[in-house]
């Protein structure tokens, strides 16, 4: 019981550190983007993003590979198997090095041909653009072979290291951008060089810290074909979901462009920016929860694993709900305050996108149990099928003249059905307690959502946001409404006690 309590406190601490990292990184990054745009100018800034984007298209590899490495390392930690941990780290390093070499060959052949022959770049800027491309390739390779170190830190739940290095990364970039404005040279390729240097420095810091703190972070030459197959089988199924997700995101953008034109692309772009900004809060919480779930599975402590998964599902939902209810209620006012001029259909698209995010957030932790078990084939096939189905049904709907908002309506329906498909697969594969999940997770979050939303609507009916100050007060009041409802009917007695203890320690410190 004491170990479980300590684990819960560690999750809370790690979540706080990740939110601190996110807040600082977001503020510094927003300011840095503004300075970079001023220093480079619109044309060079566009070239940098377009050319660098060719390389960053391969960055989807990082997510799947990082998840695979974390899974195998967390599993070995849960079994307290140091030899297995050393083997996983070294095999991951060599596997990523092979992928990096393959990526380098592709980037210097097909990628280079695409940049020089298909991209629209002014002739006087082609040389600088090619330098940007080469520096971006180096940054990508360095980032890829740093994945095992990053995964080790997360698997050990040392989020303070992860947070401080991330903050150092964005601050260093800001300082170099100020330095860039004082140097008399071609600022486009120089900026790309500076970003590469930052990547080298941060990656070096990851290596040095990991080698000093974690004994397994010493690369040895070994080759375990079974482990290699396990890593790539796991990564391959994760990649299947990642790649098909491109259809439900970038594919939908293309469909909207074909059927409605670029103005509707702008409206969906606004909705996806709001979606991404809110989703960051859930991602940070889930990053802190994933390692202990996987370790509990490896230890055979399934009771605690399910308890943690159910709590994470509810708390992750409540975190998003506290942000989304005020945004859904006051979408038009918030968008007008943010953008000044709001594209048509943006309000409806934002509301639907946020509602879809609420649905998917509730069952994210279930995936961690599936990943801990290692047999992810059918689970990932179901996810891949869902993404593909969203794209195909949206295409058919647009063919029949349905409005642009249909893309999110289709996604909401598919994601709701996907919840029950996930539960069916998990029960068949791992004897997942579906009844307990519906009772402990789905019933409370439905009640909290309904009551919070109704109370917020009643408040909006009586208080119209006249001016920025009243709008900000109304948004804050809606957050308070949600938190009050969560506290009264959304949390168990144990969770309320832990929350009070954690808040007391924060105030004391």
Foldseek 3Di string as FASTA:
>chain_A
DVVLLVLVLLLVVLLVLLVVLVVLLVVLVVVLVVLLCVQQPDQLVVLLCVLLVLLCVVVLLLVLLLLLLLLQLLLCVLVVNLVSNLVSLQLSLVVLLVVLVVSVVCCVPVVVCCLVPPDDHPPVCSVLSVLLNVLSSLLSSLVSSLSSLVSVCLLVSVSNVVSVLSSVLSVQLSVVSVVLSVDPDNSSSVSSNSNSVSSVVSSVVSLVVCVVPPVSSDHDDDDDPVSNCLSCVSSVLVVLLVVLLCCLPVVLLVLCCVLPNVLVSVLLVLLVVLLVVLCSSLVSSVSSLLSVLLSCVSNVVVVSNVVSLQVSLLVSLLSSLLQLLLCLVCVPVVCCVVPVDHRPPNNVLNNLSSVLSSLVSNNVSVVSNVVSVSPCNVVSVLSSVLSNVLNVVVSVCSVVPHDSSVSSVSSSVSSVVNVVVSVVVCCVPPVPPPVCSCVSHVVLSVVLNVQLNVVLVVVCVVQPQDDDVSSVVSSVVSSVSSVVSCQPRVDDPVVNVSVVVSVVVVVVD
